[in-house]
Amino acid sequence: MTDDQKRISAQREIPASTEALFEVLSLPEKHVALDGWDTVRGLDHGDRITEVGQVFTMNMEAEHMGGQYQTDNHVTGYEKNQRLAWKTAPAGTQPPGWEWIWTLEAQGPESTLVTVTYDWSEVTDEALLEKVGFPLVPQEALEDSLGRLAAEVG
């Protein structure tokens, strides 16, 4: 499988400024409202994302994880009003390689092309790859997240 086959993306033009969208995306407490897979339950701790290196912890719940659990999200990309990215890991561990990436491209003063990408190309643990069966999150969940983002800024 090539690296291009180890990521999925969804894209949507949203009638809002990059600033308004980034305002929502950079606030981890808003992520529960954006989760198109319905696994995020709330923010345990973390501040507005302002730089690479920050970590925010989310309360999660999913059957494939045996119920409730937490994730630490390590910010790996930050370009104000353009890009946010983080690698997710079970709380207290280092990220095994999958990453969430949000990019914002202005299409005018009040219109933005938003892309959300779920990328597992850096996962190298063969046992984990087999166990998880990437992509763990379906394409439809990414598309739903974009709809939720549009509603959140609308």
Protein backbone atom coordinates (compact mmCIF):
# COMPACT_ATOMS: atom_id res chain seq x y z
CA MET A 1 0.00 0.00 0.00
CA THR A 2 1.47 3.39 -1.00
CA ASP A 3 1.36 6.43 1.26
CA ASP A 4 -1.41 7.88 -0.93
CA GLN A 5 -3.49 4.82 -0.05
CA LYS A 6 -2.86 5.43 3.65
CA ARG A 7 -4.97 8.56 3.98
CA ILE A 8 -8.51 9.62 3.32
CA SER A 9 -9.81 13.16 2.90
CA ALA A 10 -13.02 15.05 2.50
CA GLN A 11 -13.41 18.57 1.15
CA ARG A 12 -16.17 21.16 1.24
CA GLU A 13 -16.54 24.84 0.53
CA ILE A 14 -18.04 26.51 3.60
CA PRO A 15 -19.54 30.01 3.50
CA ALA A 16 -17.37 31.45 6.27
CA SER A 17 -14.01 33.18 6.58
CA THR A 18 -10.85 31.24 7.32
CA GLU A 19 -10.65 33.20 10.58
CA ALA A 20 -14.12 32.10 11.72
CA LEU A 21 -13.43 28.47 10.86
CA PHE A 22 -9.99 28.47 12.49
CA GLU A 23 -11.55 29.99 15.62
CA VAL A 24 -13.75 26.88 15.95
CA LEU A 25 -11.14 24.30 14.93
CA SER A 26 -8.44 25.65 17.26
CA LEU A 27 -10.66 25.30 20.34
CA PRO A 28 -10.53 21.64 21.47
CA GLU A 29 -13.74 21.97 23.50
CA LYS A 30 -15.58 22.45 20.18
CA HIS A 31 -14.34 19.11 18.80
CA VAL A 32 -17.23 17.15 20.31
CA ALA A 33 -19.60 19.16 18.11
CA LEU A 34 -17.45 18.46 15.03
CA ASP A 35 -16.95 14.71 15.47
CA GLY A 36 -18.64 12.96 12.57
CA TRP A 37 -17.89 9.53 14.03
CA ASP A 38 -19.52 10.31 17.40
CA THR A 39 -16.66 9.06 19.57
CA VAL A 40 -15.55 12.37 21.16
CA ARG A 41 -17.36 12.95 24.46
CA GLY A 42 -15.63 16.10 25.68
CA LEU A 43 -12.45 17.90 26.53
CA ASP A 44 -10.58 16.60 29.57
CA HIS A 45 -7.96 19.34 29.45
CA GLY A 46 -6.29 21.61 26.96
CA ASP A 47 -6.26 25.19 25.79
CA ARG A 48 -6.88 26.86 22.46
CA ILE A 49 -4.35 25.55 19.96
CA THR A 50 -1.74 28.24 19.35
CA GLU A 51 1.43 26.33 18.45
CA VAL A 52 3.04 23.05 17.52
CA GLY A 53 3.92 20.97 20.57
CA GLN A 54 0.75 21.55 22.57
CA VAL A 55 -1.15 18.54 23.85
CA PHE A 56 -4.87 18.38 24.56
CA THR A 57 -6.68 15.41 26.06
CA MET A 58 -10.11 14.27 24.97
CA ASN A 59 -12.63 11.98 26.67
CA MET A 60 -13.75 9.38 24.17
CA GLU A 61 -16.09 6.42 23.89
CA ALA A 62 -16.11 3.67 21.28
CA GLU A 63 -17.02 0.01 21.16
CA HIS A 64 -13.76 -0.90 19.38
CA MET A 65 -11.88 0.50 22.40
CA GLY A 66 -14.02 -1.28 24.97
CA GLY A 67 -16.02 1.79 26.00
CA GLN A 68 -14.66 4.97 27.56
CA TYR A 69 -11.04 6.01 27.15
CA GLN A 70 -8.90 9.14 26.69
CA THR A 71 -6.62 10.34 23.93
CA ASP A 72 -3.71 12.75 24.04
CA ASN A 73 -3.58 14.84 20.89
CA HIS A 74 -0.11 16.17 20.05
CA VAL A 75 -0.25 19.28 17.85
CA THR A 76 2.01 18.71 14.83
CA GLY A 77 0.89 21.50 12.50
CA TYR A 78 -0.12 25.09 13.12
CA GLU A 79 -0.45 27.87 10.57
CA LYS A 80 -2.96 30.42 11.81
CA ASN A 81 -6.13 30.49 9.68
CA GLN A 82 -4.61 27.92 7.27
CA ARG A 83 -3.69 24.59 8.88
CA LEU A 84 -4.07 22.57 12.06
CA ALA A 85 -2.83 19.03 12.61
CA TRP A 86 -2.44 16.65 15.52
CA LYS A 87 -1.38 13.07 16.12
CA THR A 88 -3.60 11.08 18.44
CA ALA A 89 -2.47 8.51 21.01
CA PRO A 90 -4.00 6.65 23.93
CA ALA A 91 -3.54 8.95 26.95
CA GLY A 92 -0.07 8.75 28.44
CA THR A 93 1.56 7.25 25.34
CA GLN A 94 3.40 8.58 22.32
CA PRO A 95 1.46 8.81 19.04
CA PRO A 96 1.80 5.65 16.92
CA GLY A 97 1.56 7.63 13.68
CA TRP A 98 -1.96 8.56 12.63
CA GLU A 99 -2.72 12.23 12.16
CA TRP A 100 -5.69 14.54 11.68
CA ILE A 101 -5.03 17.47 9.33
CA TRP A 102 -7.36 20.40 8.66
CA THR A 103 -6.50 22.86 5.87
CA LEU A 104 -8.31 26.08 5.05
CA GLU A 105 -8.04 27.86 1.69
CA ALA A 106 -9.82 31.19 1.28
CA GLN A 107 -12.09 31.29 -1.77
CA GLY A 108 -13.07 34.88 -1.05
CA PRO A 109 -13.64 36.97 2.09
CA GLU A 110 -16.52 34.79 3.31
CA SER A 111 -15.89 31.44 1.66
CA THR A 112 -13.32 28.78 2.51
CA LEU A 113 -12.41 25.44 0.98
CA VAL A 114 -11.90 23.13 3.98
CA THR A 115 -10.14 19.79 3.74
CA VAL A 116 -9.97 17.27 6.57
CA THR A 117 -7.52 14.39 6.21
CA TYR A 118 -7.07 11.25 8.28
CA ASP A 119 -3.53 10.03 7.54
CA TRP A 120 -2.01 6.80 8.86
CA SER A 121 0.99 6.71 6.50
CA GLU A 122 3.44 7.03 9.42
CA VAL A 123 2.10 4.01 11.30
CA THR A 124 4.91 1.46 11.08
CA ASP A 125 3.85 -1.13 13.68
CA GLU A 126 2.66 -4.06 11.54
CA ALA A 127 0.72 -5.62 14.43
CA LEU A 128 -1.13 -2.34 15.01
CA LEU A 129 -1.88 -1.97 11.30
CA GLU A 130 -3.38 -5.45 11.23
CA LYS A 131 -5.29 -5.02 14.51
CA VAL A 132 -6.82 -1.64 13.69
CA GLY A 133 -7.63 -2.24 10.04
CA PHE A 134 -7.07 1.32 8.84
CA PRO A 135 -8.87 3.45 8.03
CA LEU A 136 -10.56 3.13 11.38
CA VAL A 137 -12.68 6.20 10.64
CA PRO A 138 -14.88 5.95 7.52
CA GLN A 139 -14.94 8.53 4.72
CA GLU A 140 -18.53 9.42 5.61
CA ALA A 141 -17.42 10.52 9.09
CA LEU A 142 -15.02 13.04 7.56
CA GLU A 143 -17.78 14.38 5.32
CA ASP A 144 -20.10 14.61 8.33
CA SER A 145 -17.44 16.52 10.28
CA LEU A 146 -17.31 19.12 7.50
CA GLY A 147 -21.09 19.49 7.67
CA ARG A 148 -20.88 19.90 11.43
CA LEU A 149 -18.16 22.53 11.06
CA ALA A 150 -20.34 24.44 8.59
CA ALA A 151 -23.26 24.33 11.06
CA GLU A 152 -21.03 25.41 13.95
CA VAL A 153 -19.89 28.61 12.17
CA GLY A 154 -23.24 29.16 10.45
